[in-house]
Amino acid sequence: MNDSTVKAIKAYMGLGAFVYMALPNTKYNAEEGGYKNSFNHWEELAEWLEEHPEYKGGNVGIDLDRSPLVVVDVDQHGKDGLHSLKVFLNSRGVDPATISETYLEKTAGGGWHVFYKCEDKETKQRLISAMDGLDLLNSGGVIVAPSVIDGNEYKATTGLANIQDKPQWVDELDQDKTNNKEQNSQRHTRYSVEERWGMIANGFEKGQRNDQATSLIGWLLSYQLHPRRALEIAEVANDRSLEPLRYQELEKVYTSVLKREIAKAKRREANDG
């Protein structure tokens, strides 16, 4: 691990953040506990790295469950989250340029992470698609600079010292999602490949556990993975969740999805025949 990475980790820790390491070129910590293998003191993380040397050249992540931070995740991969954010801020009478006044990172996928300080530990959650292309994150793990995915870097575009306290509009983004909760709950959630890997790495999110388990298991089975192996991976994701599903409930989801996939396969065979 080079000096600049160590310096960045110590700077995050100085903000009160708990830092974990991900395997090189990935967004996940593959050890038991996943992103919860996080530390607020460099000496403790360094000791953990001595025991897990394969992570020494890995990516850097922040455990938002334990850190006084909230992140607005602006997706620019297939979506225009920046446009959504600009429209939202203009509707609140806020200059969109305000995001450049806090700590800001360009992600490996071409999007943005907008960081704010947030001491509120009572409302830890991940609001996926709070608006089109926008996620609100203050729970789970998030990969940060300096990290690399497929040759693409996470880069800080403003200094960490510039990080601001969470502004009111961030809570209003949360409220917009809450106001639409009933409508959203009636719509089956579709997840990207990246989001499904995130489930494996960080667990299922409260309020979406059944949908996410269904999506993950169906996705795994679509790759002709052995059914029991798909269940085992879903169990890993569930164990990493803040509030895991009961095993019986997870197995019920698995059985339902497996029956659905078997029925699909039979229909395809009939059509091909």
Protein backbone atom coordinates (compact mmCIF):
# COMPACT_ATOMS: atom_id res chain seq x y z
CA MET A 1 0.00 0.00 0.00
CA ASN A 2 1.49 3.34 -1.05
CA ASP A 3 1.86 6.41 1.14
CA SER A 4 -0.89 8.38 -0.61
CA THR A 5 -3.43 5.65 0.12
CA VAL A 6 -2.38 5.52 3.78
CA LYS A 7 -2.66 9.32 3.97
CA ALA A 8 -6.16 9.24 2.47
CA ILE A 9 -7.27 6.51 4.89
CA LYS A 10 -5.99 8.45 7.88
CA ALA A 11 -7.77 11.58 6.63
CA TYR A 12 -11.10 9.72 6.45
CA MET A 13 -10.51 8.35 9.92
CA GLY A 14 -9.82 11.87 11.12
CA LEU A 15 -13.40 12.74 10.16
CA GLY A 16 -14.64 9.90 12.35
CA ALA A 17 -15.12 7.49 9.45
CA PHE A 18 -14.64 3.74 9.79
CA VAL A 19 -12.60 2.43 6.86
CA TYR A 20 -12.56 -1.07 5.40
CA MET A 21 -10.54 -2.60 2.57
CA ALA A 22 -11.97 -4.24 -0.53
CA LEU A 23 -10.15 -6.75 -2.69
CA PRO A 24 -8.24 -5.24 -5.64
CA ASN A 25 -10.47 -4.22 -8.55
CA THR A 26 -13.63 -4.95 -6.54
CA LYS A 27 -16.09 -3.18 -4.28
CA TYR A 28 -16.34 -5.87 -1.64
CA ASN A 29 -14.59 -7.27 1.38
CA ALA A 30 -14.88 -11.05 1.04
CA GLU A 31 -14.17 -11.87 4.69
CA GLU A 32 -16.90 -12.77 7.15
CA GLY A 33 -18.68 -9.54 8.05
CA GLY A 34 -17.91 -7.87 4.71
CA TYR A 35 -17.69 -4.09 4.95
CA LYS A 36 -18.19 -4.36 8.71
CA ASN A 37 -14.47 -5.22 8.94
CA SER A 38 -13.94 -1.49 9.42
CA PHE A 39 -11.68 0.53 11.67
CA ASN A 40 -11.35 4.12 12.90
CA HIS A 41 -7.69 3.83 13.89
CA TRP A 42 -4.92 3.22 11.37
CA GLU A 43 -3.01 0.90 13.70
CA GLU A 44 -6.00 -1.45 13.93
CA LEU A 45 -6.52 -1.50 10.16
CA ALA A 46 -2.78 -2.06 9.62
CA GLU A 47 -2.91 -5.04 11.98
CA TRP A 48 -5.91 -6.45 10.08
CA LEU A 49 -4.02 -6.02 6.80
CA GLU A 50 -1.09 -8.01 8.17
CA GLU A 51 -3.53 -10.86 8.73
CA HIS A 52 -5.13 -10.35 5.28
CA PRO A 53 -2.25 -9.35 2.96
CA GLU A 54 -4.33 -9.88 -0.18
CA TYR A 55 -6.09 -6.59 0.67
CA LYS A 56 -2.93 -4.47 0.89
CA GLY A 57 -3.22 -3.37 -2.74
CA GLY A 58 -6.99 -3.26 -2.61
CA ASN A 59 -9.63 -0.57 -2.79
CA VAL A 60 -10.72 1.68 0.06
CA GLY A 61 -14.26 1.77 1.44
CA ILE A 62 -16.15 3.56 4.18
CA ASP A 63 -18.57 1.75 6.49
CA LEU A 64 -21.40 4.27 6.56
CA ASP A 65 -23.21 2.39 9.34
CA ARG A 66 -20.54 3.57 11.78
CA SER A 67 -19.44 6.81 10.14
CA PRO A 68 -20.85 10.35 10.54
CA LEU A 69 -21.31 10.75 6.79
CA VAL A 70 -24.03 10.74 4.16
CA VAL A 71 -23.37 10.33 0.43
CA VAL A 72 -25.50 11.43 -2.50
CA ASP A 73 -24.63 8.92 -5.25
CA VAL A 74 -25.11 10.49 -8.69
CA ASP A 75 -25.28 7.80 -11.39
CA GLN A 76 -24.16 8.74 -14.91
CA HIS A 77 -24.00 5.18 -16.27
CA GLY A 78 -27.13 4.68 -18.36
CA LYS A 79 -28.90 7.37 -16.33
CA ASP A 80 -28.51 11.11 -15.94
CA GLY A 81 -28.46 11.51 -12.19
CA LEU A 82 -26.71 14.87 -12.48
CA HIS A 83 -29.66 16.24 -14.45
CA SER A 84 -32.07 14.86 -11.83
CA LEU A 85 -30.06 16.50 -9.07
CA LYS A 86 -29.93 19.85 -10.87
CA VAL A 87 -33.70 19.82 -11.46
CA PHE A 88 -34.32 18.91 -7.82
CA LEU A 89 -32.00 21.61 -6.47
CA ASN A 90 -33.46 24.26 -8.76
CA SER A 91 -36.94 23.31 -7.55
CA ARG A 92 -35.75 24.01 -4.00
CA GLY A 93 -34.15 27.31 -4.92
CA VAL A 94 -30.66 25.89 -4.39
CA ASP A 95 -27.80 26.63 -6.78
CA PRO A 96 -26.66 23.27 -8.25
CA ALA A 97 -23.07 24.53 -8.03
CA THR A 98 -23.38 24.11 -4.26
CA ILE A 99 -22.29 20.48 -4.56
CA SER A 100 -18.79 21.64 -5.51
CA GLU A 101 -18.50 23.38 -2.13
CA THR A 102 -18.32 20.08 -0.22
CA TYR A 103 -16.14 16.99 -0.65
CA LEU A 104 -16.79 15.57 -4.10
CA GLU A 105 -15.50 12.48 -5.87
CA LYS A 106 -15.69 11.31 -9.47
CA THR A 107 -16.48 7.59 -9.42
CA ALA A 108 -14.99 4.83 -11.54
CA GLY A 109 -18.31 4.54 -13.37
CA GLY A 110 -18.31 8.20 -14.41
CA GLY A 111 -20.76 9.34 -11.74
CA TRP A 112 -20.27 11.44 -8.63
CA HIS A 113 -20.26 10.94 -4.87
CA VAL A 114 -21.27 14.05 -2.93
CA PHE A 115 -20.21 13.78 0.72
CA TYR A 116 -21.64 15.58 3.75
CA LYS A 117 -21.10 15.28 7.49
CA CYS A 118 -24.08 13.79 9.28
CA GLU A 119 -24.13 12.91 12.99
CA ASP A 120 -27.68 11.53 12.95
CA LYS A 121 -27.39 7.82 13.79
CA GLU A 122 -31.13 7.22 14.08
CA THR A 123 -31.92 7.30 10.36
CA LYS A 124 -29.33 4.99 8.85
CA GLN A 125 -30.62 3.76 5.50
CA ARG A 126 -29.87 3.41 1.80
CA LEU A 127 -32.47 4.98 -0.46
CA ILE A 128 -31.89 3.45 -3.88
CA SER A 129 -33.39 5.54 -6.70
CA ALA A 130 -34.42 8.34 -4.38
CA MET A 131 -34.81 10.04 -7.75
CA ASP A 132 -33.89 8.83 -11.23
CA GLY A 133 -30.15 8.21 -11.10
CA LEU A 134 -29.82 9.35 -7.48
CA ASP A 135 -29.20 7.20 -4.41
CA LEU A 136 -28.99 8.51 -0.86
CA LEU A 137 -26.49 6.52 1.20
CA ASN A 138 -25.76 6.67 4.92
CA SER A 139 -25.77 2.93 5.54
CA GLY A 140 -23.80 0.04 4.09
CA GLY A 141 -20.42 0.35 2.43
CA VAL A 142 -19.24 2.81 -0.21
CA ILE A 143 -15.99 2.70 -2.19
CA VAL A 144 -13.98 5.92 -2.14
CA ALA A 145 -10.80 7.44 -3.55
CA PRO A 146 -8.14 6.27 -4.08
CA SER A 147 -9.68 3.11 -5.59
CA VAL A 148 -9.65 1.57 -9.05
CA ILE A 149 -12.21 -0.57 -10.90
CA ASP A 150 -11.25 -1.98 -14.31
CA GLY A 151 -8.61 0.70 -14.73
CA ASN A 152 -11.00 3.55 -13.87
CA GLU A 153 -10.21 5.58 -10.77
CA TYR A 154 -12.23 7.12 -7.98
CA LYS A 155 -10.83 10.66 -7.85
CA ALA A 156 -11.37 13.48 -5.37
CA THR A 157 -12.21 16.72 -7.21
CA THR A 158 -12.35 18.86 -4.07
CA GLY A 159 -10.40 18.61 -0.83
CA LEU A 160 -11.66 16.49 2.04
CA ALA A 161 -11.21 19.51 4.31
CA ASN A 162 -14.04 21.17 2.34
CA ILE A 163 -16.67 18.70 3.53
CA GLN A 164 -19.80 20.51 4.68
CA ASP A 165 -22.54 19.66 7.17
CA LYS A 166 -25.56 17.97 5.62
CA PRO A 167 -27.81 20.66 4.09
CA GLN A 168 -31.58 20.68 4.36
CA TRP A 169 -32.11 19.64 0.75
CA VAL A 170 -30.58 16.22 1.45
CA ASP A 171 -33.37 15.53 3.97
CA GLU A 172 -35.90 16.81 1.44
CA LEU A 173 -34.58 14.29 -1.06
CA ASP A 174 -35.30 11.67 1.60
CA GLN A 175 -38.82 13.06 2.09
CA ASP A 176 -39.55 12.92 -1.63
CA LYS A 177 -38.67 9.23 -1.56
CA THR A 178 -40.84 8.68 1.52
CA ASN A 179 -43.79 10.46 -0.06
CA ASN A 180 -43.57 8.15 -3.05
CA LYS A 181 -43.05 5.03 -0.92
CA GLU A 182 -46.54 3.61 -1.44
CA GLN A 183 -46.31 4.07 -5.19
CA ASN A 184 -42.83 2.59 -5.32
CA SER A 185 -43.82 -0.40 -3.19
CA GLN A 186 -46.32 -1.41 -5.85
CA ARG A 187 -43.62 -1.53 -8.53
CA HIS A 188 -41.25 -4.46 -8.81
CA THR A 189 -37.74 -3.13 -8.35
CA ARG A 190 -35.18 -4.00 -11.01
CA TYR A 191 -31.54 -3.95 -10.07
CA SER A 192 -28.38 -3.50 -12.10
CA VAL A 193 -25.51 -5.99 -12.08
CA GLU A 194 -23.51 -3.56 -9.95
CA GLU A 195 -26.35 -3.32 -7.43
CA ARG A 196 -26.58 -7.11 -7.21
CA TRP A 197 -22.86 -7.36 -6.52
CA GLY A 198 -23.46 -4.73 -3.87
CA MET A 199 -26.05 -7.00 -2.27
CA ILE A 200 -23.52 -9.81 -2.05
CA ALA A 201 -20.89 -7.49 -0.60
CA ASN A 202 -23.03 -5.41 1.75
CA GLY A 203 -26.27 -7.30 2.33
CA PHE A 204 -29.90 -6.53 1.60
CA GLU A 205 -31.40 -3.17 2.49
CA LYS A 206 -34.19 -2.72 4.99
CA GLY A 207 -37.48 -2.26 3.17
CA GLN A 208 -36.18 -4.03 0.06
CA ARG A 209 -34.95 -7.31 1.48
CA ASN A 210 -37.50 -9.58 -0.22
CA ASP A 211 -37.26 -7.76 -3.56
CA GLN A 212 -33.48 -7.84 -3.46
CA ALA A 213 -33.30 -11.48 -2.43
CA THR A 214 -35.71 -12.37 -5.25
CA SER A 215 -33.68 -10.38 -7.78
CA LEU A 216 -30.33 -11.77 -6.64
CA ILE A 217 -31.41 -15.41 -6.61
CA GLY A 218 -33.12 -15.11 -10.00
CA TRP A 219 -30.03 -13.46 -11.45
CA LEU A 220 -27.74 -16.19 -10.11
CA LEU A 221 -29.97 -18.95 -11.46
CA SER A 222 -30.10 -17.26 -14.87
CA TYR A 223 -26.37 -18.03 -15.16
CA GLN A 224 -27.09 -21.75 -14.72
CA LEU A 225 -25.53 -21.70 -11.27
CA HIS A 226 -26.35 -24.78 -9.22
CA PRO A 227 -29.51 -23.95 -7.22
CA ARG A 228 -27.96 -24.77 -3.84
CA ARG A 229 -24.97 -22.57 -4.65
CA ALA A 230 -27.34 -19.71 -5.49
CA LEU A 231 -29.00 -20.16 -2.09
CA GLU A 232 -25.62 -20.22 -0.35
CA ILE A 233 -24.65 -16.90 -1.95
CA ALA A 234 -28.02 -15.42 -0.98
CA GLU A 235 -27.40 -16.58 2.60
CA VAL A 236 -24.05 -14.76 2.59
CA ALA A 237 -25.77 -11.56 1.42
CA ASN A 238 -28.49 -12.00 4.01
CA ASP A 239 -25.97 -12.52 6.82
CA ARG A 240 -24.31 -9.22 5.87
CA SER A 241 -27.60 -7.32 6.10
CA LEU A 242 -28.26 -4.94 8.97
CA GLU A 243 -31.57 -6.71 9.57
CA PRO A 244 -31.35 -10.16 7.93
CA LEU A 245 -34.41 -12.08 6.81
CA ARG A 246 -35.27 -15.12 8.90
CA TYR A 247 -33.78 -18.22 7.27
CA GLN A 248 -37.24 -19.70 6.71
CA GLU A 249 -38.32 -16.55 4.90
CA LEU A 250 -35.20 -16.52 2.72
CA GLU A 251 -35.70 -20.19 1.84
CA LYS A 252 -39.33 -19.42 0.94
CA VAL A 253 -38.14 -16.71 -1.46
CA TYR A 254 -35.55 -19.11 -2.90
CA THR A 255 -38.13 -21.88 -3.44
CA SER A 256 -40.51 -19.47 -5.17
CA VAL A 257 -37.83 -18.15 -7.51
CA LEU A 258 -36.52 -21.64 -8.26
CA LYS A 259 -40.02 -22.85 -9.21
CA ARG A 260 -40.43 -19.80 -11.44
CA GLU A 261 -37.11 -20.43 -13.20
CA ILE A 262 -37.92 -24.12 -13.69
CA ALA A 263 -41.26 -23.16 -15.23
CA LYS A 264 -39.51 -20.72 -17.56
CA ALA A 265 -37.04 -23.40 -18.64
CA LYS A 266 -39.88 -25.83 -19.40
CA ARG A 267 -41.67 -23.23 -21.49
CA ARG A 268 -38.50 -22.56 -23.46
CA GLU A 269 -38.01 -26.27 -24.06
CA ALA A 270 -41.60 -26.58 -25.25
CA ASN A 271 -41.20 -23.63 -27.62
CA ASP A 272 -37.90 -24.97 -28.96
CA GLY A 273 -39.45 -28.38 -29.49
